[in-house]
PDB file of N, CA and C in Angstrom:
ATOM      1  N   ILE A   1      -9.428  30.874   5.454  1.00  0.00           N
ATOM      2  CA  ILE A   1      -8.894  29.841   4.326  1.00  0.00           C
ATOM      3  C   ILE A   1     -10.064  29.684   3.409  1.00  0.00           C
ATOM      4  N   LEU A   2      -9.734  29.906   2.175  1.00  0.00           N
ATOM      5  CA  LEU A   2     -10.735  29.893   1.115  1.00  0.00           C
ATOM      6  C   LEU A   2     -10.770  28.344   0.514  1.00  0.00           C
ATOM      7  N   ALA A   3     -11.421  27.672   0.710  1.00  0.00           N
ATOM      8  CA  ALA A   3     -11.502  26.053   0.452  1.00  0.00           C
ATOM      9  C   ALA A   3     -12.361  26.087  -0.851  1.00  0.00           C
ATOM     10  N   SER A   4     -11.644  25.308  -1.872  1.00  0.00           N
ATOM     11  CA  SER A   4     -12.072  25.084  -3.313  1.00  0.00           C
ATOM     12  C   SER A   4     -11.987  23.668  -3.420  1.00  0.00           C
ATOM     13  N   VAL A   5     -12.768  23.178  -4.564  1.00  0.00           N
ATOM     14  CA  VAL A   5     -12.710  21.838  -5.090  1.00  0.00           C
ATOM     15  C   VAL A   5     -12.408  22.083  -6.621  1.00  0.00           C
ATOM     16  N   GLY A   6     -11.596  20.891  -7.098  1.00  0.00           N
ATOM     17  CA  GLY A   6     -11.486  20.933  -8.474  1.00  0.00           C
ATOM     18  C   GLY A   6     -10.095  21.016  -8.938  1.00  0.00           C
ATOM     19  N   GLY A   7      -9.306  20.650  -8.183  1.00  0.00           N
ATOM     20  CA  GLY A   7      -7.801  20.569  -8.333  1.00  0.00           C
ATOM     21  C   GLY A   7      -6.936  21.744  -8.203  1.00  0.00           C
ATOM     22  N   ASP A   8      -5.886  21.791  -8.871  1.00  0.00           N
ATOM     23  CA  ASP A   8      -4.829  23.001  -8.839  1.00  0.00           C
ATOM     24  C   ASP A   8      -5.262  24.267  -9.342  1.00  0.00           C
ATOM     25  N   GLU A   9      -5.899  23.989 -10.559  1.00  0.00           N
ATOM     26  CA  GLU A   9      -6.517  25.329 -11.396  1.00  0.00           C
ATOM     27  C   GLU A   9      -7.546  25.927 -10.298  1.00  0.00           C
ATOM     28  N   ALA A  10      -8.308  25.235  -9.731  1.00  0.00           N
ATOM     29  CA  ALA A  10      -9.590  25.827  -8.905  1.00  0.00           C
ATOM     30  C   ALA A  10      -9.085  26.468  -7.756  1.00  0.00           C
ATOM     31  N   VAL A  11      -7.726  25.606  -7.247  1.00  0.00           N
ATOM     32  CA  VAL A  11      -7.303  26.587  -5.918  1.00  0.00           C
ATOM     33  C   VAL A  11      -6.299  27.954  -6.594  1.00  0.00           C
ATOM     34  N   GLN A  12      -5.761  27.806  -7.669  1.00  0.00           N
ATOM     35  CA  GLN A  12      -5.182  29.019  -8.030  1.00  0.00           C
ATOM     36  C   GLN A  12      -6.258  30.186  -8.230  1.00  0.00           C
ATOM     37  N   ALA A  13      -7.351  29.865  -8.785  1.00  0.00           N
ATOM     38  CA  ALA A  13      -8.377  30.778  -8.998  1.00  0.00           C
ATOM     39  C   ALA A  13      -8.883  31.250  -7.893  1.00  0.00           C
ATOM     40  N   ALA A  14      -8.900  30.254  -6.750  1.00  0.00           N
ATOM     41  CA  ALA A  14      -9.585  30.682  -5.569  1.00  0.00           C
ATOM     42  C   ALA A  14      -8.579  31.596  -4.812  1.00  0.00           C
ATOM     43  N   GLY A  15      -7.113  31.403  -5.223  1.00  0.00           N
ATOM     44  CA  GLY A  15      -5.896  32.197  -4.425  1.00  0.00           C
ATOM     45  C   GLY A  15      -6.150  33.634  -4.946  1.00  0.00           C
ATOM     46  N   ILE A  16      -6.444  33.747  -6.350  1.00  0.00           N
ATOM     47  CA  ILE A  16      -6.651  35.308  -6.839  1.00  0.00           C
ATOM     48  C   ILE A  16      -7.482  36.001  -6.166  1.00  0.00           C
ATOM     49  N   THR A  17      -8.693  35.306  -5.843  1.00  0.00           N
ATOM     50  CA  THR A  17      -9.904  35.823  -5.190  1.00  0.00           C
ATOM     51  C   THR A  17      -9.466  36.090  -3.771  1.00  0.00           C
ATOM     52  N   GLY A  18      -8.677  35.403  -3.100  1.00  0.00           N
ATOM     53  CA  GLY A  18      -7.911  35.434  -1.807  1.00  0.00           C
ATOM     54  C   GLY A  18      -7.310  36.703  -1.677  1.00  0.00           C
ATOM     55  N   MET A  19      -6.267  37.016  -2.628  1.00  0.00           N
ATOM     56  CA  MET A  19      -5.372  37.995  -2.480  1.00  0.00           C
ATOM     57  C   MET A  19      -6.577  39.486  -2.466  1.00  0.00           C
ATOM     58  N   LEU A  20      -7.394  39.496  -3.290  1.00  0.00           N
ATOM     59  CA  LEU A  20      -8.037  40.408  -3.291  1.00  0.00           C
ATOM     60  C   LEU A  20      -8.850  40.490  -2.016  1.00  0.00           C
ATOM     61  N   LEU A  21      -9.233  39.709  -1.490  1.00  0.00           N
ATOM     62  CA  LEU A  21     -10.093  39.664  -0.180  1.00  0.00           C
ATOM     63  C   LEU A  21      -9.160  40.244   0.651  1.00  0.00           C
ATOM     64  N   ALA A  22      -8.001  39.747   0.830  1.00  0.00           N
ATOM     65  CA  ALA A  22      -6.844  39.919   1.899  1.00  0.00           C
ATOM     66  C   ALA A  22      -6.581  41.390   1.962  1.00  0.00           C
ATOM     67  N   ALA A  23      -6.442  41.970   0.510  1.00  0.00           N
ATOM     68  CA  ALA A  23      -6.287  43.437   0.492  1.00  0.00           C
ATOM     69  C   ALA A  23      -7.422  44.218   1.007  1.00  0.00           C
ATOM     70  N   ARG A  24      -8.579  43.756   0.702  1.00  0.00           N
ATOM     71  CA  ARG A  24      -9.599  44.494   1.203  1.00  0.00           C
ATOM     72  C   ARG A  24      -9.961  44.327   2.890  1.00  0.00           C
ATOM     73  N   LEU A  25      -9.760  43.120   3.364  1.00  0.00           N
ATOM     74  CA  LEU A  25     -10.104  42.958   4.856  1.00  0.00           C
ATOM     75  C   LEU A  25      -8.657  43.404   5.592  1.00  0.00           C
ATOM     76  N   ALA A  26      -7.907  43.369   4.979  1.00  0.00           N
ATOM     77  CA  ALA A  26      -6.409  43.526   5.862  1.00  0.00           C
ATOM     78  C   ALA A  26      -6.105  42.304   6.759  1.00  0.00           C
ATOM     79  N   VAL A  27      -6.201  41.000   6.422  1.00  0.00           N
ATOM     80  CA  VAL A  27      -6.191  39.973   6.815  1.00  0.00           C
ATOM     81  C   VAL A  27      -5.545  39.006   5.826  1.00  0.00           C
ATOM     82  N   PRO A  28      -4.562  37.916   6.364  1.00  0.00           N
ATOM     83  CA  PRO A  28      -4.246  37.087   5.587  1.00  0.00           C
ATOM     84  C   PRO A  28      -5.296  35.974   4.957  1.00  0.00           C
ATOM     85  N   VAL A  29      -5.396  35.904   3.515  1.00  0.00           N
ATOM     86  CA  VAL A  29      -6.254  34.834   3.191  1.00  0.00           C
ATOM     87  C   VAL A  29      -5.614  33.860   2.266  1.00  0.00           C
ATOM     88  N   ILE A  30      -5.585  32.633   2.482  1.00  0.00           N
ATOM     89  CA  ILE A  30      -4.760  31.672   1.598  1.00  0.00           C
ATOM     90  C   ILE A  30      -5.849  30.687   1.197  1.00  0.00           C
ATOM     91  N   ALA A  31      -5.797  30.126  -0.050  1.00  0.00           N
ATOM     92  CA  ALA A  31      -6.507  29.249  -0.735  1.00  0.00           C
ATOM     93  C   ALA A  31      -5.970  27.746  -0.428  1.00  0.00           C
ATOM     94  N   ALA A  32      -7.102  26.712  -0.290  1.00  0.00           N
ATOM     95  CA  ALA A  32      -6.518  25.415  -0.085  1.00  0.00           C
ATOM     96  C   ALA A  32      -7.728  24.499  -0.719  1.00  0.00           C
ATOM     97  N   ALA A  33      -7.146  23.150  -0.916  1.00  0.00           N
ATOM     98  CA  ALA A  33      -8.061  22.160  -1.837  1.00  0.00           C
ATOM     99  C   ALA A  33      -8.800  21.769  -0.713  1.00  0.00           C
ATOM    100  N   LEU A  34      -9.935  21.468  -0.783  1.00  0.00           N
ATOM    101  CA  LEU A  34     -10.964  21.096   0.231  1.00  0.00           C
ATOM    102  C   LEU A  34     -11.228  19.411  -0.165  1.00  0.00           C
ATOM    103  N   ASP A  35     -10.731  19.128  -1.412  1.00  0.00           N
ATOM    104  CA  ASP A  35     -10.904  17.642  -1.619  1.00  0.00           C
ATOM    105  C   ASP A  35      -9.431  16.973  -1.886  1.00  0.00           C
ATOM    106  N   GLU A  36      -8.493  17.716  -1.279  1.00  0.00           N
ATOM    107  CA  GLU A  36      -7.087  17.263  -1.177  1.00  0.00           C
ATOM    108  C   GLU A  36      -6.991  16.985   0.446  1.00  0.00           C
ATOM    109  N   GLU A  37      -7.003  15.734   1.130  1.00  0.00           N
ATOM    110  CA  GLU A  37      -6.684  15.340   2.391  1.00  0.00           C
ATOM    111  C   GLU A  37      -5.413  16.023   3.006  1.00  0.00           C
ATOM    112  N   GLY A  38      -5.748  16.838   4.114  1.00  0.00           N
ATOM    113  CA  GLY A  38      -4.706  17.510   4.918  1.00  0.00           C
ATOM    114  C   GLY A  38      -4.517  18.938   4.397  1.00  0.00           C
ATOM    115  N   SER A  39      -5.041  19.009   3.240  1.00  0.00           N
ATOM    116  CA  SER A  39      -4.605  20.629   2.529  1.00  0.00           C
ATOM    117  C   SER A  39      -5.099  21.941   3.673  1.00  0.00           C
ATOM    118  N   ILE A  40      -6.462  21.480   4.004  1.00  0.00           N
ATOM    119  CA  ILE A  40      -6.782  22.679   4.928  1.00  0.00           C
ATOM    120  C   ILE A  40      -6.135  22.891   6.153  1.00  0.00           C
ATOM    121  N   ALA A  41      -5.991  21.598   6.894  1.00  0.00           N
ATOM    122  CA  ALA A  41      -5.113  21.744   7.935  1.00  0.00           C
ATOM    123  C   ALA A  41      -3.895  22.178   8.073  1.00  0.00           C
ATOM    124  N   SER A  42      -3.164  22.049   6.776  1.00  0.00           N
ATOM    125  CA  SER A  42      -1.649  22.600   6.368  1.00  0.00           C
ATOM    126  C   SER A  42      -1.913  24.029   6.320  1.00  0.00           C
ATOM    127  N   VAL A  43      -2.809  24.548   5.705  1.00  0.00           N
ATOM    128  CA  VAL A  43      -2.769  26.003   5.456  1.00  0.00           C
ATOM    129  C   VAL A  43      -3.288  26.843   6.815  1.00  0.00           C
ATOM    130  N   ALA A  44      -4.122  26.058   7.580  1.00  0.00           N
ATOM    131  CA  ALA A  44      -4.363  26.641   9.024  1.00  0.00           C
ATOM    132  C   ALA A  44      -3.051  26.491   9.776  1.00  0.00           C
ATOM    133  N   GLU A  45      -2.280  25.599   9.613  1.00  0.00           N
ATOM    134  CA  GLU A  45      -1.030  25.529  10.568  1.00  0.00           C
ATOM    135  C   GLU A  45      -0.295  26.578   9.885  1.00  0.00           C
ATOM    136  N   GLN A  46      -0.095  26.937   8.700  1.00  0.00           N
ATOM    137  CA  GLN A  46       0.783  27.920   8.159  1.00  0.00           C
ATOM    138  C   GLN A  46       0.287  29.115   8.629  1.00  0.00           C
ATOM    139  N   LEU A  47      -0.936  29.521   8.582  1.00  0.00           N
ATOM    140  CA  LEU A  47      -1.664  30.798   9.016  1.00  0.00           C
ATOM    141  C   LEU A  47      -1.418  31.121  10.473  1.00  0.00           C
ATOM    142  N   ARG A  48      -1.501  29.893  11.372  1.00  0.00           N
ATOM    143  CA  ARG A  48      -1.088  30.098  12.830  1.00  0.00           C
ATOM    144  C   ARG A  48       0.278  30.336  12.990  1.00  0.00           C
ATOM    145  N   SER A  49       1.150  29.694  12.064  1.00  0.00           N
ATOM    146  CA  SER A  49       2.772  29.889  12.452  1.00  0.00           C
ATOM    147  C   SER A  49       3.000  31.391  12.049  1.00  0.00           C
ATOM    148  N   SER A  50       2.185  31.868  11.029  1.00  0.00           N
ATOM    149  CA  SER A  50       2.888  33.427  10.877  1.00  0.00           C
ATOM    150  C   SER A  50       2.013  34.446  11.648  1.00  0.00           C
ATOM    151  N   GLY A  51       1.256  34.048  12.971  1.00  0.00           N
ATOM    152  CA  GLY A  51       0.719  34.942  13.705  1.00  0.00           C
ATOM    153  C   GLY A  51      -1.024  34.983  13.752  1.00  0.00           C
ATOM    154  N   SER A  52      -1.400  34.323  12.906  1.00  0.00           N
ATOM    155  CA  SER A  52      -3.078  34.530  12.808  1.00  0.00           C
ATOM    156  C   SER A  52      -3.557  33.409  14.074  1.00  0.00           C
ATOM    157  N   GLN A  53      -4.604  33.958  14.601  1.00  0.00           N
ATOM    158  CA  GLN A  53      -5.135  33.399  15.838  1.00  0.00           C
ATOM    159  C   GLN A  53      -6.499  33.060  15.515  1.00  0.00           C
ATOM    160  N   GLN A  54      -7.614  33.722  14.987  1.00  0.00           N
ATOM    161  CA  GLN A  54      -8.661  33.261  14.610  1.00  0.00           C
ATOM    162  C   GLN A  54      -9.237  33.019  13.241  1.00  0.00           C
ATOM    163  N   LEU A  55      -8.999  31.815  12.834  1.00  0.00           N
ATOM    164  CA  LEU A  55      -9.235  31.052  11.458  1.00  0.00           C
ATOM    165  C   LEU A  55     -10.607  30.766  11.303  1.00  0.00           C
ATOM    166  N   ALA A  56     -10.957  31.036   9.830  1.00  0.00           N
ATOM    167  CA  ALA A  56     -12.253  30.823   9.489  1.00  0.00           C
ATOM    168  C   ALA A  56     -12.196  30.136   8.043  1.00  0.00           C
ATOM    169  N   LEU A  57     -12.849  29.011   7.966  1.00  0.00           N
ATOM    170  CA  LEU A  57     -13.176  28.299   6.537  1.00  0.00           C
ATOM    171  C   LEU A  57     -14.090  28.869   5.717  1.00  0.00           C
ATOM    172  N   ALA A  58     -13.911  29.334   4.612  1.00  0.00           N
ATOM    173  CA  ALA A  58     -14.889  29.975   3.716  1.00  0.00           C
ATOM    174  C   ALA A  58     -14.620  29.087   2.464  1.00  0.00           C
ATOM    175  N   PRO A  59     -16.000  28.141   2.292  1.00  0.00           N
ATOM    176  CA  PRO A  59     -15.995  27.371   0.813  1.00  0.00           C
ATOM    177  C   PRO A  59     -16.020  28.191  -0.259  1.00  0.00           C
ATOM    178  N   TYR A  60     -15.203  28.247  -1.398  1.00  0.00           N
ATOM    179  CA  TYR A  60     -15.209  28.742  -2.270  1.00  0.00           C
ATOM    180  C   TYR A  60     -16.208  27.984  -3.288  1.00  0.00           C
ATOM    181  N   LEU A  61     -17.274  27.939  -2.854  1.00  0.00           N
ATOM    182  CA  LEU A  61     -18.401  26.673  -3.782  1.00  0.00           C
ATOM    183  C   LEU A  61     -19.469  27.381  -3.767  1.00  0.00           C
ATOM    184  N   ILE A  62     -19.982  27.189  -4.969  1.00  0.00           N
ATOM    185  CA  ILE A  62     -21.604  27.749  -5.035  1.00  0.00           C
ATOM    186  C   ILE A  62     -22.539  26.662  -5.018  1.00  0.00           C
ATOM    187  N   GLY A  63     -22.405  25.561  -5.166  1.00  0.00           N
ATOM    188  CA  GLY A  63     -23.665  24.565  -4.981  1.00  0.00           C
ATOM    189  C   GLY A  63     -23.100  23.180  -4.275  1.00  0.00           C
ATOM    190  N   PRO A  64     -23.755  22.207  -4.266  1.00  0.00           N
ATOM    191  CA  PRO A  64     -23.467  21.163  -3.428  1.00  0.00           C
ATOM    192  C   PRO A  64     -22.346  20.241  -3.983  1.00  0.00           C
ATOM    193  N   GLU A  65     -21.275  20.863  -4.554  1.00  0.00           N
ATOM    194  CA  GLU A  65     -20.402  19.974  -4.782  1.00  0.00           C
ATOM    195  C   GLU A  65     -19.848  18.740  -3.960  1.00  0.00           C
ATOM    196  N   ILE A  66     -19.796  19.460  -2.893  1.00  0.00           N
ATOM    197  CA  ILE A  66     -19.254  18.467  -1.729  1.00  0.00           C
ATOM    198  C   ILE A  66     -20.072  18.213  -0.571  1.00  0.00           C
ATOM    199  N   GLU A  67     -19.815  17.369   0.033  1.00  0.00           N
ATOM    200  CA  GLU A  67     -21.017  16.922   1.339  1.00  0.00           C
ATOM    201  C   GLU A  67     -20.741  17.852   2.264  1.00  0.00           C
ATOM    202  N   ALA A  68     -21.670  18.280   3.021  1.00  0.00           N
ATOM    203  CA  ALA A  68     -21.614  19.126   4.171  1.00  0.00           C
ATOM    204  C   ALA A  68     -20.567  18.581   5.273  1.00  0.00           C
ATOM    205  N   SER A  69     -20.473  17.351   5.276  1.00  0.00           N
ATOM    206  CA  SER A  69     -19.714  16.782   6.482  1.00  0.00           C
ATOM    207  C   SER A  69     -18.216  16.617   6.257  1.00  0.00           C
ATOM    208  N   VAL A  70     -17.861  17.110   4.608  1.00  0.00           N
ATOM    209  CA  VAL A  70     -16.746  17.377   4.338  1.00  0.00           C
ATOM    210  C   VAL A  70     -16.124  18.743   5.109  1.00  0.00           C
ATOM    211  N   LEU A  71     -16.958  19.608   4.589  1.00  0.00           N
ATOM    212  CA  LEU A  71     -16.543  20.882   5.006  1.00  0.00           C
ATOM    213  C   LEU A  71     -16.547  20.947   6.719  1.00  0.00           C
ATOM    214  N   GLU A  72     -17.381  20.110   7.263  1.00  0.00           N
ATOM    215  CA  GLU A  72     -17.381  20.001   8.881  1.00  0.00           C
ATOM    216  C   GLU A  72     -15.957  19.416   9.370  1.00  0.00           C
ATOM    217  N   GLU A  73     -15.616  18.376   8.668  1.00  0.00           N
ATOM    218  CA  GLU A  73     -14.297  17.538   9.076  1.00  0.00           C
ATOM    219  C   GLU A  73     -13.086  18.398   8.740  1.00  0.00           C
ATOM    220  N   ALA A  74     -13.271  19.143   7.811  1.00  0.00           N
ATOM    221  CA  ALA A  74     -12.027  19.905   7.329  1.00  0.00           C
ATOM    222  C   ALA A  74     -11.772  21.160   8.472  1.00  0.00           C
ATOM    223  N   ALA A  75     -12.945  21.799   8.815  1.00  0.00           N
ATOM    224  CA  ALA A  75     -13.018  22.653   9.730  1.00  0.00           C
ATOM    225  C   ALA A  75     -12.456  22.157  11.056  1.00  0.00           C
ATOM    226  N   LYS A  76     -12.928  21.087  11.455  1.00  0.00           N
ATOM    227  CA  LYS A  76     -12.549  20.334  12.664  1.00  0.00           C
ATOM    228  C   LYS A  76     -11.054  20.157  12.815  1.00  0.00           C
ATOM    229  N   GLU A  77     -10.530  19.684  11.419  1.00  0.00           N
ATOM    230  CA  GLU A  77      -8.922  19.442  11.449  1.00  0.00           C
ATOM    231  C   GLU A  77      -8.272  20.455  11.682  1.00  0.00           C
ATOM    232  N   ALA A  78      -8.786  21.469  11.040  1.00  0.00           N
ATOM    233  CA  ALA A  78      -7.983  23.111  11.048  1.00  0.00           C
ATOM    234  C   ALA A  78      -8.271  23.767  12.289  1.00  0.00           C
ATOM    235  N   GLY A  79      -9.509  23.218  13.126  1.00  0.00           N
ATOM    236  CA  GLY A  79      -9.627  23.933  14.453  1.00  0.00           C
ATOM    237  C   GLY A  79     -10.191  25.269  14.348  1.00  0.00           C
ATOM    238  N   CYS A  80     -10.938  25.618  13.265  1.00  0.00           N
ATOM    239  CA  CYS A  80     -11.637  26.691  12.981  1.00  0.00           C
ATOM    240  C   CYS A  80     -13.247  26.415  12.706  1.00  0.00           C
ATOM    241  N   SER A  81     -13.972  27.646  12.688  1.00  0.00           N
ATOM    242  CA  SER A  81     -15.217  27.523  12.150  1.00  0.00           C
ATOM    243  C   SER A  81     -15.524  27.552  10.529  1.00  0.00           C
ATOM    244  N   THR A  82     -16.511  27.205  10.234  1.00  0.00           N
ATOM    245  CA  THR A  82     -16.888  27.281   8.694  1.00  0.00           C
ATOM    246  C   THR A  82     -18.326  27.588   8.441  1.00  0.00           C
ATOM    247  N   ALA A  83     -18.219  28.311   7.035  1.00  0.00           N
ATOM    248  CA  ALA A  83     -19.382  28.869   6.540  1.00  0.00           C
ATOM    249  C   ALA A  83     -20.061  28.091   5.474  1.00  0.00           C
ATOM    250  N   GLU A  84     -21.341  28.173   5.238  1.00  0.00           N
ATOM    251  CA  GLU A  84     -21.876  27.155   4.332  1.00  0.00           C
ATOM    252  C   GLU A  84     -21.413  27.716   2.810  1.00  0.00           C
ATOM    253  N   PRO A  85     -21.893  26.727   1.849  1.00  0.00           N
ATOM    254  CA  PRO A  85     -21.528  27.150   0.615  1.00  0.00           C
ATOM    255  C   PRO A  85     -22.358  28.163   0.192  1.00  0.00           C
ATOM    256  N   LEU A  86     -22.169  29.044  -0.776  1.00  0.00           N
ATOM    257  CA  LEU A  86     -23.294  30.057  -1.141  1.00  0.00           C
ATOM    258  C   LEU A  86     -24.389  29.777  -1.634  1.00  0.00           C
ATOM    259  N   GLY A  87     -24.794  28.598  -2.244  1.00  0.00           N
ATOM    260  CA  GLY A  87     -26.190  27.821  -2.411  1.00  0.00           C
ATOM    261  C   GLY A  87     -26.641  28.778  -3.848  1.00  0.00           C
ATOM    262  N   PRO A  88     -27.893  28.347  -4.120  1.00  0.00           N
ATOM    263  CA  PRO A  88     -28.703  28.670  -5.305  1.00  0.00           C
ATOM    264  C   PRO A  88     -29.368  30.027  -5.093  1.00  0.00           C
ATOM    265  N   TYR A  89     -28.482  31.231  -4.739  1.00  0.00           N
ATOM    266  CA  TYR A  89     -29.284  32.439  -4.661  1.00  0.00           C
ATOM    267  C   TYR A  89     -29.505  32.996  -5.988  1.00  0.00           C
ATOM    268  N   PRO A  90     -30.568  33.933  -6.111  1.00  0.00           N
ATOM    269  CA  PRO A  90     -30.960  34.494  -7.469  1.00  0.00           C
ATOM    270  C   PRO A  90     -29.838  35.352  -7.940  1.00  0.00           C
ATOM    271  N   ALA A  91     -29.085  36.180  -7.148  1.00  0.00           N
ATOM    272  CA  ALA A  91     -28.256  37.102  -7.746  1.00  0.00           C
ATOM    273  C   ALA A  91     -26.935  36.366  -8.198  1.00  0.00           C
ATOM    274  N   ILE A  92     -26.785  35.140  -7.851  1.00  0.00           N
ATOM    275  CA  ILE A  92     -25.626  34.634  -8.412  1.00  0.00           C
ATOM    276  C   ILE A  92     -25.937  34.042  -9.829  1.00  0.00           C
ATOM    277  N   GLY A  93     -27.256  33.469 -10.001  1.00  0.00           N
ATOM    278  CA  GLY A  93     -27.898  33.357 -11.201  1.00  0.00           C
ATOM    279  C   GLY A  93     -27.928  34.714 -12.106  1.00  0.00           C
ATOM    280  N   LYS A  94     -28.339  35.605 -11.587  1.00  0.00           N
ATOM    281  CA  LYS A  94     -28.189  36.751 -12.530  1.00  0.00           C
ATOM    282  C   LYS A  94     -26.936  37.402 -13.040  1.00  0.00           C
ATOM    283  N   LEU A  95     -25.880  36.929 -12.232  1.00  0.00           N
ATOM    284  CA  LEU A  95     -24.531  37.646 -12.418  1.00  0.00           C
ATOM    285  C   LEU A  95     -24.162  36.443 -13.539  1.00  0.00           C
ATOM    286  N   ALA A  96     -24.163  35.008 -13.134  1.00  0.00           N
ATOM    287  CA  ALA A  96     -23.727  34.168 -14.323  1.00  0.00           C
ATOM    288  C   ALA A  96     -24.347  34.416 -15.693  1.00  0.00           C
ATOM    289  N   LEU A  97     -25.618  34.730 -15.592  1.00  0.00           N
ATOM    290  CA  LEU A  97     -26.281  34.982 -16.943  1.00  0.00           C
ATOM    291  C   LEU A  97     -25.737  36.307 -17.523  1.00  0.00           C
ATOM    292  N   ALA A  98     -25.478  37.358 -16.738  1.00  0.00           N
ATOM    293  CA  ALA A  98     -24.893  38.746 -17.209  1.00  0.00           C
ATOM    294  C   ALA A  98     -23.533  38.506 -17.760  1.00  0.00           C
ATOM    295  N   LYS A  99     -22.843  37.792 -17.284  1.00  0.00           N
ATOM    296  CA  LYS A  99     -21.566  37.319 -17.788  1.00  0.00           C
ATOM    297  C   LYS A  99     -21.433  36.635 -19.171  1.00  0.00           C
ATOM    298  N   TYR A 100     -22.443  35.724 -19.081  1.00  0.00           N
ATOM    299  CA  TYR A 100     -22.511  34.644 -20.137  1.00  0.00           C
ATOM    300  C   TYR A 100     -23.012  35.535 -21.296  1.00  0.00           C
ATOM    301  N   THR A 101     -24.255  36.321 -21.298  1.00  0.00           N
ATOM    302  CA  THR A 101     -24.359  37.057 -22.495  1.00  0.00           C
ATOM    303  C   THR A 101     -23.799  38.184 -23.029  1.00  0.00           C
ATOM    304  N   THR A 102     -22.781  38.545 -21.941  1.00  0.00           N
ATOM    305  CA  THR A 102     -21.960  39.782 -22.462  1.00  0.00           C
ATOM    306  C   THR A 102     -20.563  39.267 -23.184  1.00  0.00           C
ATOM    307  N   ALA A 103     -20.491  37.705 -22.654  1.00  0.00           N
ATOM    308  CA  ALA A 103     -19.381  37.013 -23.476  1.00  0.00           C
ATOM    309  C   ALA A 103     -19.679  36.947 -24.759  1.00  0.00           C
ATOM    310  N   LEU A 104     -21.111  36.433 -24.942  1.00  0.00           N
ATOM    311  CA  LEU A 104     -21.424  36.268 -26.338  1.00  0.00           C
ATOM    312  C   LEU A 104     -21.951  37.329 -27.186  1.00  0.00           C
ATOM    313  N   GLY A 105     -21.914  38.652 -26.578  1.00  0.00           N
ATOM    314  CA  GLY A 105     -22.009  39.653 -27.479  1.00  0.00           C
ATOM    315  C   GLY A 105     -23.674  40.010 -27.455  1.00  0.00           C
ATOM    316  N   ILE A 106     -24.335  39.331 -26.591  1.00  0.00           N
ATOM    317  CA  ILE A 106     -25.999  39.525 -26.632  1.00  0.00           C
ATOM    318  C   ILE A 106     -26.228  40.607 -25.591  1.00  0.00           C
ATOM    319  N   SER A 107     -27.071  41.681 -25.830  1.00  0.00           N
ATOM    320  CA  SER A 107     -27.393  42.709 -24.813  1.00  0.00           C
ATOM    321  C   SER A 107     -28.540  42.224 -23.995  1.00  0.00           C
ATOM    322  N   PRO A 108     -28.468  42.491 -22.779  1.00  0.00           N
ATOM    323  CA  PRO A 108     -29.780  41.959 -21.894  1.00  0.00           C
ATOM    324  C   PRO A 108     -31.035  42.455 -22.194  1.00  0.00           C
ATOM    325  N   GLN A 109     -32.031  41.864 -22.170  1.00  0.00           N
ATOM    326  CA  GLN A 109     -33.485  42.415 -22.156  1.00  0.00           C
ATOM    327  C   GLN A 109     -33.817  43.316 -21.443  1.00  0.00           C
ATOM    328  N   GLN A 110     -34.451  44.467 -22.274  1.00  0.00           N
ATOM    329  CA  GLN A 110     -35.016  45.578 -21.315  1.00  0.00           C
ATOM    330  C   GLN A 110     -36.429  45.200 -20.559  1.00  0.00           C
ATOM    331  N   ALA A 111     -36.355  45.365 -19.242  1.00  0.00           N
ATOM    332  CA  ALA A 111     -37.661  45.111 -18.678  1.00  0.00           C
ATOM    333  C   ALA A 111     -38.971  45.702 -19.271  1.00  0.00           C
ATOM    334  N   GLN A 112     -39.836  44.792 -19.317  1.00  0.00           N
ATOM    335  CA  GLN A 112     -41.045  45.559 -19.837  1.00  0.00           C
ATOM    336  C   GLN A 112     -41.585  46.715 -19.199  1.00  0.00           C
ATOM    337  N   GLY A 113     -41.839  47.818 -20.195  1.00  0.00           N
ATOM    338  CA  GLY A 113     -42.342  49.019 -19.571  1.00  0.00           C
ATOM    339  C   GLY A 113     -41.083  50.010 -19.134  1.00  0.00           C
ATOM    340  N   ALA A 114     -39.910  49.543 -19.503  1.00  0.00           N
ATOM    341  CA  ALA A 114     -38.512  50.268 -18.915  1.00  0.00           C
ATOM    342  C   ALA A 114     -38.426  51.125 -20.316  1.00  0.00           C
ATOM    343  N   PRO A 115     -37.937  52.421 -20.034  1.00  0.00           N
ATOM    344  CA  PRO A 115     -37.590  53.299 -21.125  1.00  0.00           C
ATOM    345  C   PRO A 115     -36.236  52.700 -21.779  1.00  0.00           C
ATOM    346  N   VAL A 116     -36.433  52.701 -23.094  1.00  0.00           N
ATOM    347  CA  VAL A 116     -34.999  52.420 -24.012  1.00  0.00           C
ATOM    348  C   VAL A 116     -34.118  53.744 -24.000  1.00  0.00           C
ATOM    349  N   ARG A 117     -32.922  53.374 -23.657  1.00  0.00           N
ATOM    350  CA  ARG A 117     -31.888  54.484 -23.791  1.00  0.00           C
ATOM    351  C   ARG A 117     -30.813  54.410 -25.002  1.00  0.00           C
TER     352      ARG A 117
END
């Protein structure tokens, strides 16, 4: 279960990622709203009724948008374990910067001493 916050649009975006993840892992992945009461438990029931037995809650979050207790409570209601949000890892910052500069048409700076091609 990919748990997202931010309304229907955020859940739809997580759903696209879920489809890609499901294709890669060959397991069902469904997005649900972490900030909508009962959404996680409802998706868990849907997955169980379709034959899934081992469920996991994967927060589709980067930072501290939501209290850790909300994740724990949602996982408890769904009867599954949960992972932690991604957090402030340098790779995420570098990826965001690369996407931003590309969108603006700015080429990334060359590292000092790196050959120019």
